[in-house]
């Protein structure tokens, strides 16, 4: 077995998984402490994106790249648990409008605070140039993902 110093560095996918885990750990802990312990997987991303970016639930779920069935189940669960409202669109009765409830907005605020907490810890560990480089690298990976 190679010594720790002789081991190869972690691959970028392994580092990305761990980095995502840092955010998830803090966000889930903060949500649980605030009484939002009934959120299913991916719900913090959807609620946070709706509140922060004004994105639609459909766009956010598309970004998650989950099946239509999983997407429908997530929305149904969030409606049943009081995080989202689902109403018939008055302009096109064939469509539904999905919006945050007060409970959903409150949970989204907790998500945002958790993200800010990790961002703050990251800023303490890395300088602005390193964070700018990290952001540039992650954006490049998004561009690679979106190539045909």
N, C-alpha and C. Protein backbone atom coordinates (compact mmCIF):
# COMPACT_ATOMS: atom_id res chain seq x y z
N UNK A 1 0.86 -1.19 0.00
CA UNK A 1 0.00 0.00 0.00
C UNK A 1 0.90 1.24 0.00
N UNK A 2 0.65 2.17 -0.94
CA UNK A 2 1.50 3.36 -1.00
C UNK A 2 1.28 4.26 0.21
N UNK A 3 2.34 4.96 0.58
CA UNK A 3 2.21 5.91 1.69
C UNK A 3 1.33 7.07 1.24
N UNK A 4 0.82 7.81 2.21
CA UNK A 4 -0.08 8.91 1.90
C UNK A 4 0.57 9.95 1.01
N UNK A 5 1.85 10.23 1.24
CA UNK A 5 2.53 11.24 0.44
C UNK A 5 2.76 10.78 -0.99
N UNK A 6 2.78 9.45 -1.23
CA UNK A 6 3.01 8.93 -2.57
C UNK A 6 1.70 8.72 -3.34
N UNK A 7 0.57 8.88 -2.67
CA UNK A 7 -0.72 8.69 -3.35
C UNK A 7 -0.96 9.78 -4.38
N UNK A 8 -1.65 9.40 -5.42
CA UNK A 8 -1.99 10.38 -6.45
C UNK A 8 -3.04 11.35 -5.90
N UNK A 9 -3.03 12.58 -6.39
CA UNK A 9 -4.05 13.53 -5.92
C UNK A 9 -5.45 13.05 -6.34
N UNK A 10 -6.45 13.50 -5.59
CA UNK A 10 -7.83 13.15 -5.92
C UNK A 10 -8.18 13.67 -7.32
N UNK A 11 -9.03 12.93 -8.00
CA UNK A 11 -9.48 13.38 -9.32
C UNK A 11 -10.44 14.55 -9.14
N UNK A 12 -10.59 15.33 -10.20
CA UNK A 12 -11.50 16.48 -10.14
C UNK A 12 -12.94 16.03 -9.82
N UNK A 13 -13.45 14.94 -10.43
CA UNK A 13 -14.80 14.51 -10.04
C UNK A 13 -14.92 14.19 -8.55
N UNK A 14 -13.90 13.59 -7.97
CA UNK A 14 -13.94 13.29 -6.53
C UNK A 14 -13.93 14.58 -5.71
N UNK A 15 -13.12 15.53 -6.14
CA UNK A 15 -13.08 16.82 -5.44
C UNK A 15 -14.42 17.55 -5.56
N UNK A 16 -15.04 17.50 -6.74
CA UNK A 16 -16.34 18.16 -6.93
C UNK A 16 -17.41 17.53 -6.05
N UNK A 17 -17.38 16.21 -5.95
CA UNK A 17 -18.36 15.52 -5.10
C UNK A 17 -18.19 15.94 -3.65
N UNK A 18 -16.95 15.99 -3.20
CA UNK A 18 -16.70 16.41 -1.82
C UNK A 18 -17.09 17.86 -1.58
N UNK A 19 -16.82 18.71 -2.57
CA UNK A 19 -17.17 20.12 -2.44
C UNK A 19 -18.68 20.29 -2.34
N UNK A 20 -19.41 19.56 -3.17
CA UNK A 20 -20.87 19.63 -3.12
C UNK A 20 -21.35 19.16 -1.76
N UNK A 21 -20.68 18.14 -1.23
CA UNK A 21 -21.04 17.62 0.08
C UNK A 21 -20.88 18.63 1.19
N UNK A 22 -19.89 19.52 1.05
CA UNK A 22 -19.68 20.56 2.07
C UNK A 22 -20.90 21.48 2.14
N UNK A 23 -21.40 21.88 0.98
CA UNK A 23 -22.59 22.73 0.94
C UNK A 23 -23.81 21.96 1.46
N UNK A 24 -23.97 20.74 0.99
CA UNK A 24 -25.15 19.94 1.38
C UNK A 24 -25.20 19.74 2.89
N UNK A 25 -24.06 19.43 3.47
CA UNK A 25 -24.01 19.18 4.92
C UNK A 25 -24.47 20.39 5.71
N UNK A 26 -23.96 21.55 5.38
CA UNK A 26 -24.33 22.77 6.12
C UNK A 26 -25.78 23.14 5.85
N UNK A 27 -26.21 23.08 4.59
CA UNK A 27 -27.59 23.46 4.25
C UNK A 27 -28.59 22.54 4.94
N UNK A 28 -28.35 21.24 4.88
CA UNK A 28 -29.28 20.29 5.52
C UNK A 28 -29.31 20.50 7.03
N UNK A 29 -28.16 20.74 7.63
CA UNK A 29 -28.11 21.00 9.07
C UNK A 29 -28.92 22.24 9.43
N UNK A 30 -28.73 23.32 8.68
CA UNK A 30 -29.45 24.57 8.95
C UNK A 30 -30.96 24.39 8.73
N UNK A 31 -31.33 23.68 7.68
CA UNK A 31 -32.76 23.44 7.43
C UNK A 31 -33.38 22.63 8.57
N UNK A 32 -32.69 21.61 9.03
CA UNK A 32 -33.20 20.79 10.14
C UNK A 32 -33.35 21.62 11.40
N UNK A 33 -32.35 22.44 11.71
CA UNK A 33 -32.41 23.32 12.89
C UNK A 33 -33.57 24.29 12.82
N UNK A 34 -33.93 24.71 11.60
CA UNK A 34 -35.01 25.69 11.41
C UNK A 34 -36.38 25.02 11.29
N UNK A 35 -36.44 23.70 11.40
CA UNK A 35 -37.72 22.99 11.35
C UNK A 35 -38.15 22.57 9.96
N UNK A 36 -37.25 22.64 9.00
CA UNK A 36 -37.55 22.22 7.63
C UNK A 36 -36.89 20.87 7.35
N UNK A 37 -37.19 19.90 8.21
CA UNK A 37 -36.55 18.60 8.11
C UNK A 37 -37.32 17.62 7.23
N UNK A 38 -38.33 18.11 6.53
CA UNK A 38 -39.14 17.23 5.69
C UNK A 38 -38.91 17.47 4.20
N UNK A 39 -37.80 18.12 3.87
CA UNK A 39 -37.52 18.40 2.46
C UNK A 39 -36.86 17.21 1.79
N UNK A 40 -37.38 16.81 0.63
CA UNK A 40 -36.75 15.72 -0.10
C UNK A 40 -35.46 16.18 -0.78
N UNK A 41 -34.71 15.21 -1.24
CA UNK A 41 -33.48 15.48 -1.98
C UNK A 41 -33.78 16.42 -3.14
N UNK A 42 -32.90 17.32 -3.43
CA UNK A 42 -32.99 18.31 -4.51
C UNK A 42 -33.94 19.47 -4.21
N UNK A 43 -34.74 19.38 -3.18
CA UNK A 43 -35.67 20.46 -2.87
C UNK A 43 -34.95 21.76 -2.51
N UNK A 44 -33.87 21.73 -1.72
CA UNK A 44 -33.19 22.99 -1.42
C UNK A 44 -32.71 23.72 -2.68
N UNK A 45 -32.26 22.97 -3.67
CA UNK A 45 -31.81 23.58 -4.92
C UNK A 45 -32.98 24.27 -5.62
N UNK A 46 -34.12 23.61 -5.67
CA UNK A 46 -35.29 24.17 -6.35
C UNK A 46 -35.81 25.40 -5.60
N UNK A 47 -35.99 25.28 -4.30
CA UNK A 47 -36.50 26.41 -3.52
C UNK A 47 -35.53 27.59 -3.55
N UNK A 48 -34.24 27.30 -3.37
CA UNK A 48 -33.24 28.36 -3.38
C UNK A 48 -33.17 29.06 -4.73
N UNK A 49 -33.22 28.28 -5.81
CA UNK A 49 -33.16 28.87 -7.14
C UNK A 49 -34.38 29.70 -7.49
N UNK A 50 -35.54 29.26 -7.03
CA UNK A 50 -36.76 30.02 -7.27
C UNK A 50 -36.70 31.36 -6.53
N UNK A 51 -36.21 31.33 -5.30
CA UNK A 51 -36.17 32.56 -4.49
C UNK A 51 -35.06 33.50 -4.93
N UNK A 52 -33.88 32.96 -5.18
CA UNK A 52 -32.72 33.81 -5.45
C UNK A 52 -32.67 34.29 -6.88
N UNK A 53 -32.90 33.39 -7.82
CA UNK A 53 -32.75 33.76 -9.24
C UNK A 53 -34.08 34.02 -9.92
N UNK A 54 -35.18 33.75 -9.24
CA UNK A 54 -36.48 33.91 -9.87
C UNK A 54 -36.71 32.87 -10.96
N UNK A 55 -35.94 31.80 -10.91
CA UNK A 55 -36.07 30.75 -11.92
C UNK A 55 -37.38 29.99 -11.71
N UNK A 56 -37.87 29.40 -12.77
CA UNK A 56 -39.09 28.60 -12.64
C UNK A 56 -38.72 27.23 -12.09
N UNK A 57 -39.68 26.60 -11.43
CA UNK A 57 -39.45 25.25 -10.91
C UNK A 57 -39.11 24.31 -12.06
N UNK A 58 -39.77 24.48 -13.20
CA UNK A 58 -39.51 23.60 -14.35
C UNK A 58 -38.08 23.74 -14.83
N UNK A 59 -37.56 24.97 -14.92
CA UNK A 59 -36.18 25.18 -15.37
C UNK A 59 -35.19 24.57 -14.39
N UNK A 60 -35.44 24.75 -13.11
CA UNK A 60 -34.53 24.21 -12.10
C UNK A 60 -34.52 22.69 -12.12
N UNK A 61 -35.68 22.10 -12.27
CA UNK A 61 -35.75 20.64 -12.32
C UNK A 61 -35.08 20.13 -13.58
N UNK A 62 -35.22 20.85 -14.67
CA UNK A 62 -34.52 20.48 -15.91
C UNK A 62 -33.01 20.47 -15.68
N UNK A 63 -32.51 21.45 -14.93
CA UNK A 63 -31.09 21.51 -14.61
C UNK A 63 -30.65 20.31 -13.78
N UNK A 64 -31.54 19.77 -12.97
CA UNK A 64 -31.21 18.60 -12.16
C UNK A 64 -31.06 17.34 -13.00
N UNK A 65 -31.62 17.36 -14.20
CA UNK A 65 -31.57 16.22 -15.12
C UNK A 65 -32.13 14.95 -14.48
N UNK A 66 -33.34 15.07 -13.92
CA UNK A 66 -34.04 13.92 -13.37
C UNK A 66 -35.19 13.56 -14.31
N UNK A 67 -35.72 12.38 -14.14
CA UNK A 67 -36.82 11.93 -14.99
C UNK A 67 -38.06 12.79 -14.75
N UNK A 68 -39.00 12.75 -15.71
CA UNK A 68 -40.25 13.49 -15.54
C UNK A 68 -41.01 13.00 -14.32
N UNK A 69 -40.95 11.70 -14.09
CA UNK A 69 -41.62 11.12 -12.93
C UNK A 69 -41.01 11.66 -11.63
N UNK A 70 -39.70 11.69 -11.53
CA UNK A 70 -39.03 12.21 -10.33
C UNK A 70 -39.34 13.69 -10.15
N UNK A 71 -39.35 14.43 -11.24
CA UNK A 71 -39.66 15.86 -11.18
C UNK A 71 -41.08 16.08 -10.66
N UNK A 72 -42.02 15.32 -11.20
CA UNK A 72 -43.41 15.44 -10.78
C UNK A 72 -43.57 15.07 -9.31
N UNK A 73 -42.88 14.03 -8.88
CA UNK A 73 -42.95 13.62 -7.47
C UNK A 73 -42.38 14.70 -6.56
N UNK A 74 -41.28 15.34 -6.99
CA UNK A 74 -40.69 16.39 -6.18
C UNK A 74 -41.65 17.57 -6.02
N UNK A 75 -42.24 18.00 -7.12
CA UNK A 75 -43.20 19.11 -7.06
C UNK A 75 -44.40 18.73 -6.21
N UNK A 76 -44.95 17.53 -6.43
CA UNK A 76 -46.09 17.08 -5.63
C UNK A 76 -45.77 17.11 -4.13
N UNK A 77 -44.61 16.60 -3.77
CA UNK A 77 -44.21 16.56 -2.37
C UNK A 77 -44.09 17.97 -1.80
N UNK A 78 -43.47 18.87 -2.57
CA UNK A 78 -43.30 20.25 -2.08
C UNK A 78 -44.64 20.98 -1.95
N UNK A 79 -45.58 20.67 -2.82
CA UNK A 79 -46.93 21.25 -2.71
C UNK A 79 -47.62 20.68 -1.47
N UNK A 80 -47.59 19.36 -1.30
CA UNK A 80 -48.26 18.73 -0.16
C UNK A 80 -47.69 19.18 1.18
N UNK A 81 -46.39 19.46 1.22
CA UNK A 81 -45.75 19.86 2.47
C UNK A 81 -45.76 21.38 2.68
N UNK A 82 -46.40 22.10 1.77
CA UNK A 82 -46.61 23.52 1.97
C UNK A 82 -45.49 24.44 1.54
N UNK A 83 -44.57 23.96 0.71
CA UNK A 83 -43.46 24.79 0.24
C UNK A 83 -43.78 25.50 -1.07
N UNK A 84 -44.64 24.89 -1.86
CA UNK A 84 -45.01 25.45 -3.17
C UNK A 84 -46.52 25.49 -3.31
N UNK A 85 -47.00 26.44 -4.09
CA UNK A 85 -48.40 26.50 -4.53
C UNK A 85 -48.43 26.13 -6.00
N UNK A 86 -49.46 25.42 -6.38
CA UNK A 86 -49.65 25.05 -7.79
C UNK A 86 -51.06 25.49 -8.16
N UNK A 87 -51.12 26.41 -9.15
CA UNK A 87 -52.42 26.94 -9.57
C UNK A 87 -52.51 26.92 -11.08
N UNK A 88 -53.73 26.90 -11.58
CA UNK A 88 -53.95 26.97 -13.02
C UNK A 88 -53.54 28.36 -13.50
N UNK A 89 -52.78 28.42 -14.57
CA UNK A 89 -52.33 29.69 -15.14
C UNK A 89 -53.55 30.40 -15.74
N UNK A 90 -53.87 31.62 -15.29
CA UNK A 90 -55.07 32.30 -15.77
C UNK A 90 -54.99 32.66 -17.26
N UNK A 91 -53.77 32.78 -17.81
CA UNK A 91 -53.61 33.13 -19.22
C UNK A 91 -53.69 31.91 -20.13
N UNK A 92 -53.34 30.74 -19.60
CA UNK A 92 -53.38 29.50 -20.38
C UNK A 92 -53.79 28.38 -19.43
N UNK A 93 -55.07 28.06 -19.44
CA UNK A 93 -55.62 27.11 -18.47
C UNK A 93 -55.04 25.70 -18.60
N UNK A 94 -54.30 25.43 -19.66
CA UNK A 94 -53.65 24.12 -19.81
C UNK A 94 -52.35 24.04 -19.01
N UNK A 95 -51.87 25.18 -18.54
CA UNK A 95 -50.60 25.25 -17.82
C UNK A 95 -50.83 25.51 -16.34
N UNK A 96 -49.86 25.10 -15.54
CA UNK A 96 -49.90 25.35 -14.11
C UNK A 96 -48.83 26.38 -13.75
N UNK A 97 -49.13 27.20 -12.77
CA UNK A 97 -48.16 28.14 -12.24
C UNK A 97 -47.72 27.62 -10.88
N UNK A 98 -46.42 27.49 -10.72
CA UNK A 98 -45.86 27.01 -9.46
C UNK A 98 -45.12 28.16 -8.81
N UNK A 99 -45.44 28.42 -7.54
CA UNK A 99 -44.80 29.53 -6.84
C UNK A 99 -44.47 29.13 -5.41
N UNK A 100 -43.56 29.88 -4.82
CA UNK A 100 -43.18 29.64 -3.43
C UNK A 100 -44.27 30.13 -2.48
N UNK A 101 -44.52 29.36 -1.45
CA UNK A 101 -45.38 29.81 -0.36
C UNK A 101 -44.50 30.56 0.64
N UNK A 102 -45.10 31.09 1.68
CA UNK A 102 -44.30 31.73 2.74
C UNK A 102 -43.34 30.72 3.35
N UNK A 103 -43.81 29.49 3.55
CA UNK A 103 -42.96 28.43 4.10
C UNK A 103 -41.81 28.13 3.14
N UNK A 104 -42.09 28.08 1.84
CA UNK A 104 -41.06 27.83 0.85
C UNK A 104 -40.03 28.94 0.81
N UNK A 105 -40.50 30.17 0.92
CA UNK A 105 -39.59 31.31 0.93
C UNK A 105 -38.71 31.29 2.19
N UNK A 106 -39.31 30.93 3.32
CA UNK A 106 -38.53 30.86 4.57
C UNK A 106 -37.46 29.78 4.46
N UNK A 107 -37.81 28.64 3.90
CA UNK A 107 -36.82 27.57 3.72
C UNK A 107 -35.73 28.01 2.75
N UNK A 108 -36.11 28.72 1.70
CA UNK A 108 -35.13 29.22 0.73
C UNK A 108 -34.15 30.19 1.39
N UNK A 109 -34.63 30.99 2.32
CA UNK A 109 -33.75 31.91 3.05
C UNK A 109 -32.73 31.13 3.90
N UNK A 110 -33.17 30.04 4.48
CA UNK A 110 -32.26 29.20 5.26
C UNK A 110 -31.23 28.55 4.33
N UNK A 111 -31.66 28.11 3.15
CA UNK A 111 -30.74 27.54 2.17
C UNK A 111 -29.67 28.58 1.82
N UNK A 112 -30.12 29.79 1.52
CA UNK A 112 -29.19 30.86 1.13
C UNK A 112 -28.20 31.16 2.26
N UNK A 113 -28.67 31.17 3.49
CA UNK A 113 -27.78 31.42 4.63
C UNK A 113 -26.75 30.31 4.76
N UNK A 114 -27.15 29.06 4.52
CA UNK A 114 -26.21 27.95 4.57
C UNK A 114 -25.15 28.05 3.50
N UNK A 115 -25.57 28.42 2.29
CA UNK A 115 -24.62 28.62 1.19
C UNK A 115 -23.65 29.75 1.53
N UNK A 116 -24.17 30.84 2.07
CA UNK A 116 -23.32 31.97 2.45
C UNK A 116 -22.32 31.58 3.53
N UNK A 117 -22.75 30.71 4.45
CA UNK A 117 -21.85 30.25 5.51
C UNK A 117 -20.66 29.49 4.91
N UNK A 118 -20.93 28.58 3.99
CA UNK A 118 -19.85 27.83 3.36
C UNK A 118 -18.99 28.76 2.50
N UNK A 119 -19.64 29.67 1.78
CA UNK A 119 -18.87 30.65 0.99
C UNK A 119 -17.92 31.44 1.89
N UNK A 120 -18.37 31.82 3.07
CA UNK A 120 -17.53 32.55 4.01
C UNK A 120 -16.35 31.73 4.48
N UNK A 121 -16.60 30.46 4.79
CA UNK A 121 -15.50 29.57 5.19
C UNK A 121 -14.50 29.40 4.05
N UNK A 122 -15.01 29.30 2.84
CA UNK A 122 -14.15 29.17 1.67
C UNK A 122 -13.29 30.43 1.50
N UNK A 123 -13.89 31.59 1.71
CA UNK A 123 -13.15 32.85 1.59
C UNK A 123 -12.04 32.94 2.64
N UNK A 124 -12.27 32.37 3.81
CA UNK A 124 -11.23 32.36 4.85
C UNK A 124 -10.06 31.47 4.46
N UNK A 125 -10.35 30.38 3.75
CA UNK A 125 -9.31 29.41 3.38
C UNK A 125 -8.60 29.75 2.08
N UNK A 126 -9.26 30.47 1.21
CA UNK A 126 -8.70 30.79 -0.11
C UNK A 126 -8.77 32.30 -0.32
N UNK A 127 -7.83 32.81 -1.05
CA UNK A 127 -7.86 34.23 -1.39
C UNK A 127 -8.80 34.49 -2.55
N UNK A 128 -9.06 35.76 -2.81
CA UNK A 128 -9.97 36.13 -3.90
C UNK A 128 -9.53 35.59 -5.26
N UNK A 129 -8.23 35.55 -5.51
CA UNK A 129 -7.75 35.04 -6.80
C UNK A 129 -8.03 33.55 -6.94
N UNK A 130 -7.87 32.80 -5.86
CA UNK A 130 -8.16 31.37 -5.90
C UNK A 130 -9.66 31.13 -6.12
N UNK A 131 -10.48 31.91 -5.46
CA UNK A 131 -11.92 31.76 -5.63
C UNK A 131 -12.33 32.13 -7.06
N UNK A 132 -11.73 33.19 -7.60
CA UNK A 132 -12.02 33.57 -8.99
C UNK A 132 -11.61 32.45 -9.94
N UNK A 133 -10.46 31.82 -9.68
CA UNK A 133 -10.01 30.70 -10.51
C UNK A 133 -10.93 29.50 -10.38
N UNK A 134 -11.39 29.24 -9.17
CA UNK A 134 -12.33 28.14 -8.95
C UNK A 134 -13.62 28.38 -9.72
N UNK A 135 -14.14 29.59 -9.60
CA UNK A 135 -15.38 29.93 -10.32
C UNK A 135 -15.19 29.79 -11.83
N UNK A 136 -14.04 30.24 -12.35
CA UNK A 136 -13.77 30.14 -13.78
C UNK A 136 -13.70 28.67 -14.21
N UNK A 137 -13.05 27.86 -13.41
CA UNK A 137 -12.96 26.43 -13.73
C UNK A 137 -14.32 25.75 -13.71
N UNK A 138 -15.12 26.07 -12.72
CA UNK A 138 -16.45 25.47 -12.64
C UNK A 138 -17.34 25.93 -13.79
N UNK A 139 -17.22 27.19 -14.16
CA UNK A 139 -17.99 27.69 -15.31
C UNK A 139 -17.54 26.99 -16.59
N UNK A 140 -16.25 26.75 -16.74
CA UNK A 140 -15.75 26.02 -17.91
C UNK A 140 -16.34 24.61 -17.95
N UNK A 141 -16.44 23.97 -16.81
CA UNK A 141 -17.04 22.63 -16.76
C UNK A 141 -18.51 22.67 -17.17
N UNK A 142 -19.22 23.71 -16.76
CA UNK A 142 -20.63 23.86 -17.19
C UNK A 142 -20.71 24.00 -18.70
N UNK A 143 -19.79 24.77 -19.27
CA UNK A 143 -19.78 24.94 -20.72
C UNK A 143 -19.49 23.63 -21.44
N UNK A 144 -18.57 22.85 -20.89
CA UNK A 144 -18.28 21.54 -21.48
C UNK A 144 -19.52 20.66 -21.42
N UNK A 145 -20.22 20.69 -20.32
CA UNK A 145 -21.45 19.89 -20.17
C UNK A 145 -22.48 20.26 -21.21
N UNK A 146 -22.58 21.55 -21.51
CA UNK A 146 -23.63 22.04 -22.41
C UNK A 146 -23.28 21.93 -23.89
N UNK A 147 -22.08 21.47 -24.20
CA UNK A 147 -21.72 21.31 -25.62
C UNK A 147 -22.54 20.18 -26.23
N UNK A 148 -22.87 20.34 -27.53
CA UNK A 148 -23.62 19.25 -28.20
C UNK A 148 -22.79 17.98 -28.35
